Amino acid sequence: MVAAFAAAGQRWIIEGVYGWLAEAALFRATTLIWLDMPWSLCRESLAQRGPWRGATAEQHGEFLSWAEHYWQRRTSTSYDGHLGLFEGFMGDKLRIRDRSDIGPLLNAKQIDGIAPA
């Protein structure tokens, strides 16, 4: 699996909207950052991005519907799935619930011994 291969490296970042993807690398992670944003903010960002390359309007609509149901699903790609990973993680962790929470992260002198570039 690509995630496990990437996690074998010295330093890495994996975006884990799919809980099973994050879980494949979590055992090697030293820091977990959860972007736990409200649907209004997610919807706004998805609208600004628009459909992914090659997606039809119908596919994009289905994707938006899938994304909106994040809080109702009970899978690894749901709020409950991510909450379980976050609560069970024993390393350093940060839960970001608003864009204003990101500033301190970006301005931090070090995260897990890595100085920001």
PDB file of N, CA and C in Angstrom:
ATOM      1  N   MET A   1       0.844  -1.172   0.000  1.00  0.00           N
ATOM      2  CA  MET A   1       0.000   0.000   0.000  1.00  0.00           C
ATOM      3  C   MET A   1       0.895   1.243   0.000  1.00  0.00           C
ATOM      4  N   VAL A   2       0.515   2.238  -0.747  1.00  0.00           N
ATOM      5  CA  VAL A   2       1.299   3.459  -0.901  1.00  0.00           C
ATOM      6  C   VAL A   2       1.446   4.201   0.425  1.00  0.00           C
ATOM      7  N   ALA A   3       0.386   4.277   1.224  1.00  0.00           N
ATOM      8  CA  ALA A   3       0.452   5.000   2.495  1.00  0.00           C
ATOM      9  C   ALA A   3       1.471   4.373   3.433  1.00  0.00           C
ATOM     10  N   ALA A   4       1.480   3.071   3.529  1.00  0.00           N
ATOM     11  CA  ALA A   4       2.441   2.393   4.403  1.00  0.00           C
ATOM     12  C   ALA A   4       3.865   2.608   3.900  1.00  0.00           C
ATOM     13  N   PHE A   5       4.050   2.591   2.588  1.00  0.00           N
ATOM     14  CA  PHE A   5       5.366   2.840   2.003  1.00  0.00           C
ATOM     15  C   PHE A   5       5.832   4.258   2.328  1.00  0.00           C
ATOM     16  N   ALA A   6       4.942   5.245   2.157  1.00  0.00           N
ATOM     17  CA  ALA A   6       5.287   6.639   2.448  1.00  0.00           C
ATOM     18  C   ALA A   6       5.609   6.817   3.929  1.00  0.00           C
ATOM     19  N   ALA A   7       4.858   6.151   4.780  1.00  0.00           N
ATOM     20  CA  ALA A   7       5.059   6.276   6.225  1.00  0.00           C
ATOM     21  C   ALA A   7       6.364   5.651   6.685  1.00  0.00           C
ATOM     22  N   ALA A   8       6.968   4.827   5.871  1.00  0.00           N
ATOM     23  CA  ALA A   8       8.241   4.220   6.244  1.00  0.00           C
ATOM     24  C   ALA A   8       9.393   5.217   6.143  1.00  0.00           C
ATOM     25  N   GLY A   9       9.160   6.341   5.490  1.00  0.00           N
ATOM     26  CA  GLY A   9      10.189   7.367   5.352  1.00  0.00           C
ATOM     27  C   GLY A   9      10.417   8.115   6.650  1.00  0.00           C
ATOM     28  N   GLN A  10      11.471   8.927   6.666  1.00  0.00           N
ATOM     29  CA  GLN A  10      11.834   9.686   7.862  1.00  0.00           C
ATOM     30  C   GLN A  10      10.809  10.783   8.187  1.00  0.00           C
ATOM     31  N   ARG A  11      10.412  11.550   7.184  1.00  0.00           N
ATOM     32  CA  ARG A  11       9.461  12.647   7.388  1.00  0.00           C
ATOM     33  C   ARG A  11       8.414  12.592   6.280  1.00  0.00           C
ATOM     34  N   TRP A  12       7.157  12.802   6.640  1.00  0.00           N
ATOM     35  CA  TRP A  12       6.092  12.726   5.662  1.00  0.00           C
ATOM     36  C   TRP A  12       4.827  13.370   6.205  1.00  0.00           C
ATOM     37  N   ILE A  13       3.965  13.715   5.311  1.00  0.00           N
ATOM     38  CA  ILE A  13       2.630  14.224   5.634  1.00  0.00           C
ATOM     39  C   ILE A  13       1.660  13.456   4.751  1.00  0.00           C
ATOM     40  N   ILE A  14       0.604  12.944   5.355  1.00  0.00           N
ATOM     41  CA  ILE A  14      -0.427  12.243   4.589  1.00  0.00           C
ATOM     42  C   ILE A  14      -1.758  12.894   4.908  1.00  0.00           C
ATOM     43  N   GLU A  15      -2.491  13.247   3.877  1.00  0.00           N
ATOM     44  CA  GLU A  15      -3.839  13.779   4.036  1.00  0.00           C
ATOM     45  C   GLU A  15      -4.756  12.574   4.102  1.00  0.00           C
ATOM     46  N   GLY A  16      -5.548  12.486   5.158  1.00  0.00           N
ATOM     47  CA  GLY A  16      -6.303  11.259   5.369  1.00  0.00           C
ATOM     48  C   GLY A  16      -7.800  11.420   5.439  1.00  0.00           C
ATOM     49  N   VAL A  17      -8.413  11.959   4.403  1.00  0.00           N
ATOM     50  CA  VAL A  17      -9.862  12.055   4.419  1.00  0.00           C
ATOM     51  C   VAL A  17     -10.470  10.656   4.522  1.00  0.00           C
ATOM     52  N   TYR A  18      -9.788   9.682   3.951  1.00  0.00           N
ATOM     53  CA  TYR A  18     -10.217   8.294   4.084  1.00  0.00           C
ATOM     54  C   TYR A  18      -9.552   7.731   5.330  1.00  0.00           C
ATOM     55  N   GLY A  19     -10.359   7.417   6.333  1.00  0.00           N
ATOM     56  CA  GLY A  19      -9.808   6.941   7.595  1.00  0.00           C
ATOM     57  C   GLY A  19      -8.902   5.744   7.453  1.00  0.00           C
ATOM     58  N   TRP A  20      -9.238   4.817   6.547  1.00  0.00           N
ATOM     59  CA  TRP A  20      -8.396   3.633   6.340  1.00  0.00           C
ATOM     60  C   TRP A  20      -7.027   4.027   5.822  1.00  0.00           C
ATOM     61  N   LEU A  21      -6.942   5.134   5.078  1.00  0.00           N
ATOM     62  CA  LEU A  21      -5.656   5.603   4.576  1.00  0.00           C
ATOM     63  C   LEU A  21      -4.806   6.152   5.715  1.00  0.00           C
ATOM     64  N   ALA A  22      -5.409   6.979   6.553  1.00  0.00           N
ATOM     65  CA  ALA A  22      -4.682   7.527   7.707  1.00  0.00           C
ATOM     66  C   ALA A  22      -4.279   6.399   8.657  1.00  0.00           C
ATOM     67  N   GLU A  23      -5.170   5.467   8.861  1.00  0.00           N
ATOM     68  CA  GLU A  23      -4.898   4.363   9.787  1.00  0.00           C
ATOM     69  C   GLU A  23      -3.699   3.520   9.352  1.00  0.00           C
ATOM     70  N   ALA A  24      -3.486   3.415   8.043  1.00  0.00           N
ATOM     71  CA  ALA A  24      -2.368   2.626   7.524  1.00  0.00           C
ATOM     72  C   ALA A  24      -1.020   3.219   7.910  1.00  0.00           C
ATOM     73  N   ALA A  25      -0.980   4.515   8.186  1.00  0.00           N
ATOM     74  CA  ALA A  25       0.283   5.179   8.516  1.00  0.00           C
ATOM     75  C   ALA A  25       0.341   5.672   9.955  1.00  0.00           C
ATOM     76  N   LEU A  26      -0.770   5.638  10.649  1.00  0.00           N
ATOM     77  CA  LEU A  26      -0.860   6.232  11.987  1.00  0.00           C
ATOM     78  C   LEU A  26       0.136   5.660  12.982  1.00  0.00           C
ATOM     79  N   PHE A  27       0.457   4.387  12.870  1.00  0.00           N
ATOM     80  CA  PHE A  27       1.366   3.765  13.836  1.00  0.00           C
ATOM     81  C   PHE A  27       2.762   4.389  13.771  1.00  0.00           C
ATOM     82  N   ARG A  28       3.114   5.053  12.656  1.00  0.00           N
ATOM     83  CA  ARG A  28       4.425   5.696  12.525  1.00  0.00           C
ATOM     84  C   ARG A  28       4.365   7.207  12.767  1.00  0.00           C
ATOM     85  N   ALA A  29       3.178   7.751  12.919  1.00  0.00           N
ATOM     86  CA  ALA A  29       3.018   9.203  13.059  1.00  0.00           C
ATOM     87  C   ALA A  29       3.452   9.673  14.443  1.00  0.00           C
ATOM     88  N   THR A  30       4.035  10.850  14.486  1.00  0.00           N
ATOM     89  CA  THR A  30       4.391  11.476  15.762  1.00  0.00           C
ATOM     90  C   THR A  30       3.431  12.603  16.102  1.00  0.00           C
ATOM     91  N   THR A  31       2.778  13.161  15.089  1.00  0.00           N
ATOM     92  CA  THR A  31       1.834  14.255  15.287  1.00  0.00           C
ATOM     93  C   THR A  31       0.631  14.034  14.385  1.00  0.00           C
ATOM     94  N   LEU A  32      -0.561  14.270  14.923  1.00  0.00           N
ATOM     95  CA  LEU A  32      -1.802  14.143  14.158  1.00  0.00           C
ATOM     96  C   LEU A  32      -2.522  15.485  14.193  1.00  0.00           C
ATOM     97  N   ILE A  33      -2.838  16.010  13.029  1.00  0.00           N
ATOM     98  CA  ILE A  33      -3.569  17.270  12.924  1.00  0.00           C
ATOM     99  C   ILE A  33      -4.888  16.970  12.240  1.00  0.00           C
ATOM    100  N   TRP A  34      -5.986  17.281  12.932  1.00  0.00           N
ATOM    101  CA  TRP A  34      -7.322  17.024  12.393  1.00  0.00           C
ATOM    102  C   TRP A  34      -7.956  18.351  12.023  1.00  0.00           C
ATOM    103  N   LEU A  35      -8.253  18.528  10.743  1.00  0.00           N
ATOM    104  CA  LEU A  35      -8.978  19.703  10.279  1.00  0.00           C
ATOM    105  C   LEU A  35     -10.467  19.402  10.431  1.00  0.00           C
ATOM    106  N   ASP A  36     -11.005  19.726  11.591  1.00  0.00           N
ATOM    107  CA  ASP A  36     -12.391  19.434  11.961  1.00  0.00           C
ATOM    108  C   ASP A  36     -13.229  20.699  11.754  1.00  0.00           C
ATOM    109  N   MET A  37     -13.452  21.028  10.504  1.00  0.00           N
ATOM    110  CA  MET A  37     -14.131  22.264  10.134  1.00  0.00           C
ATOM    111  C   MET A  37     -15.642  22.046   9.987  1.00  0.00           C
ATOM    112  N   PRO A  38     -16.436  23.084  10.221  1.00  0.00           N
ATOM    113  CA  PRO A  38     -17.889  22.954  10.032  1.00  0.00           C
ATOM    114  C   PRO A  38     -18.244  22.846   8.542  1.00  0.00           C
ATOM    115  N   TRP A  39     -19.409  22.256   8.269  1.00  0.00           N
ATOM    116  CA  TRP A  39     -19.840  22.051   6.895  1.00  0.00           C
ATOM    117  C   TRP A  39     -19.895  23.362   6.122  1.00  0.00           C
ATOM    118  N   SER A  40     -20.319  24.445   6.742  1.00  0.00           N
ATOM    119  CA  SER A  40     -20.415  25.719   6.024  1.00  0.00           C
ATOM    120  C   SER A  40     -19.059  26.122   5.442  1.00  0.00           C
ATOM    121  N   LEU A  41     -18.012  25.936   6.193  1.00  0.00           N
ATOM    122  CA  LEU A  41     -16.665  26.271   5.726  1.00  0.00           C
ATOM    123  C   LEU A  41     -16.194  25.293   4.645  1.00  0.00           C
ATOM    124  N   CYS A  42     -16.474  24.019   4.842  1.00  0.00           N
ATOM    125  CA  CYS A  42     -16.112  23.011   3.838  1.00  0.00           C
ATOM    126  C   CYS A  42     -16.851  23.272   2.531  1.00  0.00           C
ATOM    127  N   ARG A  43     -18.147  23.532   2.619  1.00  0.00           N
ATOM    128  CA  ARG A  43     -18.956  23.787   1.418  1.00  0.00           C
ATOM    129  C   ARG A  43     -18.416  24.999   0.658  1.00  0.00           C
ATOM    130  N   GLU A  44     -18.088  26.048   1.386  1.00  0.00           N
ATOM    131  CA  GLU A  44     -17.532  27.252   0.765  1.00  0.00           C
ATOM    132  C   GLU A  44     -16.231  26.940   0.020  1.00  0.00           C
ATOM    133  N   SER A  45     -15.359  26.173   0.648  1.00  0.00           N
ATOM    134  CA  SER A  45     -14.083  25.822   0.021  1.00  0.00           C
ATOM    135  C   SER A  45     -14.290  24.937  -1.203  1.00  0.00           C
ATOM    136  N   LEU A  46     -15.198  23.972  -1.104  1.00  0.00           N
ATOM    137  CA  LEU A  46     -15.474  23.092  -2.244  1.00  0.00           C
ATOM    138  C   LEU A  46     -16.085  23.875  -3.404  1.00  0.00           C
ATOM    139  N   ALA A  47     -16.934  24.845  -3.094  1.00  0.00           N
ATOM    140  CA  ALA A  47     -17.543  25.675  -4.141  1.00  0.00           C
ATOM    141  C   ALA A  47     -16.479  26.523  -4.833  1.00  0.00           C
ATOM    142  N   GLN A  48     -15.531  27.041  -4.071  1.00  0.00           N
ATOM    143  CA  GLN A  48     -14.457  27.843  -4.662  1.00  0.00           C
ATOM    144  C   GLN A  48     -13.569  26.998  -5.567  1.00  0.00           C
ATOM    145  N   ARG A  49     -13.313  25.763  -5.165  1.00  0.00           N
ATOM    146  CA  ARG A  49     -12.475  24.861  -5.962  1.00  0.00           C
ATOM    147  C   ARG A  49     -13.157  24.395  -7.227  1.00  0.00           C
ATOM    148  N   GLY A  50     -14.460  24.139  -7.115  1.00  0.00           N
ATOM    149  CA  GLY A  50     -15.202  23.625  -8.261  1.00  0.00           C
ATOM    150  C   GLY A  50     -14.899  22.154  -8.486  1.00  0.00           C
ATOM    151  N   PRO A  51     -15.437  21.604  -9.575  1.00  0.00           N
ATOM    152  CA  PRO A  51     -15.232  20.182  -9.870  1.00  0.00           C
ATOM    153  C   PRO A  51     -13.765  19.858 -10.134  1.00  0.00           C
ATOM    154  N   TRP A  52     -13.368  18.633  -9.790  1.00  0.00           N
ATOM    155  CA  TRP A  52     -12.004  18.202 -10.100  1.00  0.00           C
ATOM    156  C   TRP A  52     -11.896  18.047 -11.614  1.00  0.00           C
ATOM    157  N   ARG A  53     -10.680  18.050 -12.089  1.00  0.00           N
ATOM    158  CA  ARG A  53     -10.432  17.987 -13.532  1.00  0.00           C
ATOM    159  C   ARG A  53     -11.146  16.794 -14.153  1.00  0.00           C
ATOM    160  N   GLY A  54     -11.945  17.070 -15.143  1.00  0.00           N
ATOM    161  CA  GLY A  54     -12.636  16.010 -15.874  1.00  0.00           C
ATOM    162  C   GLY A  54     -13.976  15.598 -15.271  1.00  0.00           C
ATOM    163  N   ALA A  55     -14.333  16.130 -14.100  1.00  0.00           N
ATOM    164  CA  ALA A  55     -15.598  15.743 -13.472  1.00  0.00           C
ATOM    165  C   ALA A  55     -16.763  16.447 -14.160  1.00  0.00           C
ATOM    166  N   THR A  56     -17.846  15.717 -14.303  1.00  0.00           N
ATOM    167  CA  THR A  56     -19.067  16.314 -14.845  1.00  0.00           C
ATOM    168  C   THR A  56     -19.795  17.045 -13.726  1.00  0.00           C
ATOM    169  N   ALA A  57     -20.758  17.858 -14.090  1.00  0.00           N
ATOM    170  CA  ALA A  57     -21.571  18.557 -13.093  1.00  0.00           C
ATOM    171  C   ALA A  57     -22.297  17.539 -12.205  1.00  0.00           C
ATOM    172  N   GLU A  58     -22.745  16.441 -12.801  1.00  0.00           N
ATOM    173  CA  GLU A  58     -23.426  15.400 -12.027  1.00  0.00           C
ATOM    174  C   GLU A  58     -22.470  14.754 -11.014  1.00  0.00           C
ATOM    175  N   GLN A  59     -21.259  14.438 -11.447  1.00  0.00           N
ATOM    176  CA  GLN A  59     -20.270  13.847 -10.532  1.00  0.00           C
ATOM    177  C   GLN A  59     -19.931  14.816  -9.405  1.00  0.00           C
ATOM    178  N   HIS A  60     -19.797  16.075  -9.734  1.00  0.00           N
ATOM    179  CA  HIS A  60     -19.480  17.071  -8.708  1.00  0.00           C
ATOM    180  C   HIS A  60     -20.630  17.179  -7.707  1.00  0.00           C
ATOM    181  N   GLY A  61     -21.857  17.150  -8.206  1.00  0.00           N
ATOM    182  CA  GLY A  61     -23.025  17.185  -7.319  1.00  0.00           C
ATOM    183  C   GLY A  61     -23.065  15.985  -6.389  1.00  0.00           C
ATOM    184  N   GLU A  62     -22.735  14.806  -6.901  1.00  0.00           N
ATOM    185  CA  GLU A  62     -22.686  13.601  -6.072  1.00  0.00           C
ATOM    186  C   GLU A  62     -21.589  13.717  -5.012  1.00  0.00           C
ATOM    187  N   PHE A  63     -20.460  14.277  -5.405  1.00  0.00           N
ATOM    188  CA  PHE A  63     -19.370  14.477  -4.452  1.00  0.00           C
ATOM    189  C   PHE A  63     -19.788  15.436  -3.335  1.00  0.00           C
ATOM    190  N   LEU A  64     -20.439  16.532  -3.687  1.00  0.00           N
ATOM    191  CA  LEU A  64     -20.892  17.491  -2.668  1.00  0.00           C
ATOM    192  C   LEU A  64     -21.894  16.848  -1.711  1.00  0.00           C
ATOM    193  N   SER A  65     -22.768  16.012  -2.242  1.00  0.00           N
ATOM    194  CA  SER A  65     -23.726  15.298  -1.392  1.00  0.00           C
ATOM    195  C   SER A  65     -23.001  14.341  -0.451  1.00  0.00           C
ATOM    196  N   TRP A  66     -22.017  13.615  -0.976  1.00  0.00           N
ATOM    197  CA  TRP A  66     -21.220  12.704  -0.154  1.00  0.00           C
ATOM    198  C   TRP A  66     -20.516  13.483   0.953  1.00  0.00           C
ATOM    199  N   ALA A  67     -19.907  14.612   0.601  1.00  0.00           N
ATOM    200  CA  ALA A  67     -19.181  15.422   1.577  1.00  0.00           C
ATOM    201  C   ALA A  67     -20.125  15.962   2.654  1.00  0.00           C
ATOM    202  N   GLU A  68     -21.308  16.372   2.271  1.00  0.00           N
ATOM    203  CA  GLU A  68     -22.264  16.930   3.223  1.00  0.00           C
ATOM    204  C   GLU A  68     -22.714  15.891   4.252  1.00  0.00           C
ATOM    205  N   HIS A  69     -22.685  14.626   3.889  1.00  0.00           N
ATOM    206  CA  HIS A  69     -23.128  13.565   4.798  1.00  0.00           C
ATOM    207  C   HIS A  69     -22.000  13.019   5.680  1.00  0.00           C
ATOM    208  N   TYR A  70     -20.896  13.692   5.712  1.00  0.00           N
ATOM    209  CA  TYR A  70     -19.737  13.309   6.537  1.00  0.00           C
ATOM    210  C   TYR A  70     -20.138  13.062   7.994  1.00  0.00           C
ATOM    211  N   TRP A  71     -21.014  13.893   8.530  1.00  0.00           N
ATOM    212  CA  TRP A  71     -21.381  13.808   9.948  1.00  0.00           C
ATOM    213  C   TRP A  71     -22.428  12.729  10.204  1.00  0.00           C
ATOM    214  N   GLN A  72     -23.064  12.195   9.170  1.00  0.00           N
ATOM    215  CA  GLN A  72     -24.066  11.144   9.340  1.00  0.00           C
ATOM    216  C   GLN A  72     -23.519   9.740   9.042  1.00  0.00           C
ATOM    217  N   ARG A  73     -22.492   9.655   8.208  1.00  0.00           N
ATOM    218  CA  ARG A  73     -21.941   8.337   7.870  1.00  0.00           C
ATOM    219  C   ARG A  73     -21.355   7.678   9.116  1.00  0.00           C
ATOM    220  N   ARG A  74     -21.200   6.382   9.079  1.00  0.00           N
ATOM    221  CA  ARG A  74     -20.595   5.625  10.183  1.00  0.00           C
ATOM    222  C   ARG A  74     -19.472   4.744   9.651  1.00  0.00           C
ATOM    223  N   THR A  75     -18.645   5.308   8.807  1.00  0.00           N
ATOM    224  CA  THR A  75     -17.545   4.570   8.196  1.00  0.00           C
ATOM    225  C   THR A  75     -16.224   5.233   8.587  1.00  0.00           C
ATOM    226  N   SER A  76     -15.131   4.704   8.070  1.00  0.00           N
ATOM    227  CA  SER A  76     -13.826   5.309   8.347  1.00  0.00           C
ATOM    228  C   SER A  76     -13.689   6.680   7.696  1.00  0.00           C
ATOM    229  N   THR A  77     -14.570   6.990   6.738  1.00  0.00           N
ATOM    230  CA  THR A  77     -14.537   8.295   6.068  1.00  0.00           C
ATOM    231  C   THR A  77     -15.613   9.225   6.624  1.00  0.00           C
ATOM    232  N   SER A  78     -15.880   9.119   7.905  1.00  0.00           N
ATOM    233  CA  SER A  78     -16.918   9.925   8.545  1.00  0.00           C
ATOM    234  C   SER A  78     -16.338  10.683   9.740  1.00  0.00           C
ATOM    235  N   TYR A  79     -17.162  11.555  10.269  1.00  0.00           N
ATOM    236  CA  TYR A  79     -16.778  12.267  11.488  1.00  0.00           C
ATOM    237  C   TYR A  79     -16.477  11.266  12.605  1.00  0.00           C
ATOM    238  N   ASP A  80     -17.353  10.294  12.792  1.00  0.00           N
ATOM    239  CA  ASP A  80     -17.131   9.290  13.844  1.00  0.00           C
ATOM    240  C   ASP A  80     -15.845   8.503  13.617  1.00  0.00           C
ATOM    241  N   GLY A  81     -15.567   8.165  12.359  1.00  0.00           N
ATOM    242  CA  GLY A  81     -14.340   7.443  12.044  1.00  0.00           C
ATOM    243  C   GLY A  81     -13.107   8.268  12.378  1.00  0.00           C
ATOM    244  N   HIS A  82     -13.123   9.543  12.007  1.00  0.00           N
ATOM    245  CA  HIS A  82     -11.986  10.420  12.290  1.00  0.00           C
ATOM    246  C   HIS A  82     -11.862  10.710  13.780  1.00  0.00           C
ATOM    247  N   LEU A  83     -12.991  10.876  14.454  1.00  0.00           N
ATOM    248  CA  LEU A  83     -12.965  11.113  15.899  1.00  0.00           C
ATOM    249  C   LEU A  83     -12.325   9.935  16.617  1.00  0.00           C
ATOM    250  N   GLY A  84     -12.662   8.727  16.211  1.00  0.00           N
ATOM    251  CA  GLY A  84     -12.069   7.542  16.826  1.00  0.00           C
ATOM    252  C   GLY A  84     -10.562   7.490  16.635  1.00  0.00           C
ATOM    253  N   LEU A  85     -10.098   7.799  15.433  1.00  0.00           N
ATOM    254  CA  LEU A  85      -8.647   7.839  15.187  1.00  0.00           C
ATOM    255  C   LEU A  85      -7.985   8.911  16.048  1.00  0.00           C
ATOM    256  N   PHE A  86      -8.606  10.078  16.115  1.00  0.00           N
ATOM    257  CA  PHE A  86      -8.036  11.192  16.862  1.00  0.00           C
ATOM    258  C   PHE A  86      -7.970  10.874  18.358  1.00  0.00           C
ATOM    259  N   GLU A  87      -9.069  10.396  18.900  1.00  0.00           N
ATOM    260  CA  GLU A  87      -9.102  10.101  20.341  1.00  0.00           C
ATOM    261  C   GLU A  87      -8.151   8.965  20.710  1.00  0.00           C
ATOM    262  N   GLY A  88      -7.972   8.000  19.820  1.00  0.00           N
ATOM    263  CA  GLY A  88      -7.103   6.868  20.112  1.00  0.00           C
ATOM    264  C   GLY A  88      -5.625   7.137  19.885  1.00  0.00           C
ATOM    265  N   PHE A  89      -5.302   8.252  19.241  1.00  0.00           N
ATOM    266  CA  PHE A  89      -3.904   8.552  18.928  1.00  0.00           C
ATOM    267  C   PHE A  89      -3.172   9.000  20.184  1.00  0.00           C
ATOM    268  N   MET A  90      -2.033   8.397  20.459  1.00  0.00           N
ATOM    269  CA  MET A  90      -1.311   8.674  21.700  1.00  0.00           C
ATOM    270  C   MET A  90      -0.202   9.714  21.553  1.00  0.00           C
ATOM    271  N   GLY A  91       0.125  10.118  20.328  1.00  0.00           N
ATOM    272  CA  GLY A  91       1.166  11.127  20.115  1.00  0.00           C
ATOM    273  C   GLY A  91       0.612  12.533  20.256  1.00  0.00           C
ATOM    274  N   ASP A  92       1.411  13.500  19.830  1.00  0.00           N
ATOM    275  CA  ASP A  92       0.967  14.889  19.832  1.00  0.00           C
ATOM    276  C   ASP A  92      -0.170  15.037  18.842  1.00  0.00           C
ATOM    277  N   LYS A  93      -1.177  15.818  19.218  1.00  0.00           N
ATOM    278  CA  LYS A  93      -2.294  16.011  18.305  1.00  0.00           C
ATOM    279  C   LYS A  93      -2.868  17.413  18.459  1.00  0.00           C
ATOM    280  N   LEU A  94      -3.437  17.879  17.369  1.00  0.00           N
ATOM    281  CA  LEU A  94      -4.017  19.214  17.307  1.00  0.00           C
ATOM    282  C   LEU A  94      -5.300  19.119  16.504  1.00  0.00           C
ATOM    283  N   ARG A  95      -6.359  19.705  17.035  1.00  0.00           N
ATOM    284  CA  ARG A  95      -7.658  19.698  16.364  1.00  0.00           C
ATOM    285  C   ARG A  95      -7.982  21.127  15.952  1.00  0.00           C
ATOM    286  N   ILE A  96      -8.070  21.355  14.660  1.00  0.00           N
ATOM    287  CA  ILE A  96      -8.326  22.691  14.123  1.00  0.00           C
ATOM    288  C   ILE A  96      -9.786  22.754  13.683  1.00  0.00           C
ATOM    289  N   ARG A  97     -10.534  23.683  14.303  1.00  0.00           N
ATOM    290  CA  ARG A  97     -11.967  23.783  14.035  1.00  0.00           C
ATOM    291  C   ARG A  97     -12.356  25.037  13.266  1.00  0.00           C
ATOM    292  N   ASP A  98     -11.397  25.914  13.023  1.00  0.00           N
ATOM    293  CA  ASP A  98     -11.678  27.167  12.327  1.00  0.00           C
ATOM    294  C   ASP A  98     -10.396  27.628  11.633  1.00  0.00           C
ATOM    295  N   ARG A  99     -10.528  28.360  10.552  1.00  0.00           N
ATOM    296  CA  ARG A  99      -9.333  28.840   9.844  1.00  0.00           C
ATOM    297  C   ARG A  99      -8.442  29.683  10.739  1.00  0.00           C
ATOM    298  N   SER A 100      -9.023  30.372  11.700  1.00  0.00           N
ATOM    299  CA  SER A 100      -8.211  31.208  12.599  1.00  0.00           C
ATOM    300  C   SER A 100      -7.299  30.353  13.482  1.00  0.00           C
ATOM    301  N   ASP A 101      -7.603  29.074  13.637  1.00  0.00           N
ATOM    302  CA  ASP A 101      -6.757  28.174  14.421  1.00  0.00           C
ATOM    303  C   ASP A 101      -5.486  27.771  13.664  1.00  0.00           C
ATOM    304  N   ILE A 102      -5.469  27.990  12.362  1.00  0.00           N
ATOM    305  CA  ILE A 102      -4.336  27.555  11.546  1.00  0.00           C
ATOM    306  C   ILE A 102      -3.135  28.476  11.722  1.00  0.00           C
ATOM    307  N   GLY A 103      -3.378  29.776  11.935  1.00  0.00           N
ATOM    308  CA  GLY A 103      -2.294  30.742  12.086  1.00  0.00           C
ATOM    309  C   GLY A 103      -1.252  30.337  13.112  1.00  0.00           C
ATOM    310  N   PRO A 104      -1.673  30.014  14.334  1.00  0.00           N
ATOM    311  CA  PRO A 104      -0.671  29.600  15.330  1.00  0.00           C
ATOM    312  C   PRO A 104       0.136  28.381  14.902  1.00  0.00           C
ATOM    313  N   LEU A 105      -0.485  27.466  14.172  1.00  0.00           N
ATOM    314  CA  LEU A 105       0.225  26.289  13.677  1.00  0.00           C
ATOM    315  C   LEU A 105       1.310  26.703  12.684  1.00  0.00           C
ATOM    316  N   LEU A 106       0.953  27.589  11.763  1.00  0.00           N
ATOM    317  CA  LEU A 106       1.912  28.027  10.757  1.00  0.00           C
ATOM    318  C   LEU A 106       3.024  28.888  11.357  1.00  0.00           C
ATOM    319  N   ASN A 107       2.717  29.575  12.442  1.00  0.00           N
ATOM    320  CA  ASN A 107       3.702  30.442  13.079  1.00  0.00           C
ATOM    321  C   ASN A 107       4.514  29.729  14.150  1.00  0.00           C
ATOM    322  N   ALA A 108       4.195  28.483  14.410  1.00  0.00           N
ATOM    323  CA  ALA A 108       4.909  27.733  15.446  1.00  0.00           C
ATOM    324  C   ALA A 108       6.374  27.594  15.068  1.00  0.00           C
ATOM    325  N   LYS A 109       7.241  27.665  16.070  1.00  0.00           N
ATOM    326  CA  LYS A 109       8.659  27.538  15.787  1.00  0.00           C
ATOM    327  C   LYS A 109       9.009  26.105  15.408  1.00  0.00           C
ATOM    328  N   GLN A 110       8.334  25.127  16.022  1.00  0.00           N
ATOM    329  CA  GLN A 110       8.641  23.739  15.696  1.00  0.00           C
ATOM    330  C   GLN A 110       7.403  22.875  15.865  1.00  0.00           C
ATOM    331  N   ILE A 111       7.280  21.925  14.996  1.00  0.00           N
ATOM    332  CA  ILE A 111       6.284  20.860  15.131  1.00  0.00           C
ATOM    333  C   ILE A 111       7.069  19.570  15.011  1.00  0.00           C
ATOM    334  N   ASP A 112       7.092  18.795  16.073  1.00  0.00           N
ATOM    335  CA  ASP A 112       7.805  17.517  16.066  1.00  0.00           C
ATOM    336  C   ASP A 112       9.253  17.691  15.599  1.00  0.00           C
ATOM    337  N   GLY A 113       9.875  18.751  16.051  1.00  0.00           N
ATOM    338  CA  GLY A 113      11.280  18.957  15.719  1.00  0.00           C
ATOM    339  C   GLY A 113      11.532  19.485  14.323  1.00  0.00           C
ATOM    340  N   ILE A 114      10.478  19.805  13.577  1.00  0.00           N
ATOM    341  CA  ILE A 114      10.633  20.304  12.210  1.00  0.00           C
ATOM    342  C   ILE A 114      10.375  21.805  12.230  1.00  0.00           C
ATOM    343  N   ALA A 115      11.360  22.587  11.941  1.00  0.00           N
ATOM    344  CA  ALA A 115      11.188  24.035  11.869  1.00  0.00           C
ATOM    345  C   ALA A 115      10.486  24.387  10.565  1.00  0.00           C
ATOM    346  N   PRO A 116       9.507  25.328  10.607  1.00  0.00           N
ATOM    347  CA  PRO A 116       8.818  25.699   9.371  1.00  0.00           C
ATOM    348  C   PRO A 116       9.782  26.360   8.385  1.00  0.00           C
ATOM    349  N   ALA A 117       9.535  26.141   7.106  1.00  0.00           N
ATOM    350  CA  ALA A 117      10.402  26.724   6.066  1.00  0.00           C
ATOM    351  C   ALA A 117      10.067  28.171   5.831  1.00  0.00           C
TER     352      ALA A 117
END
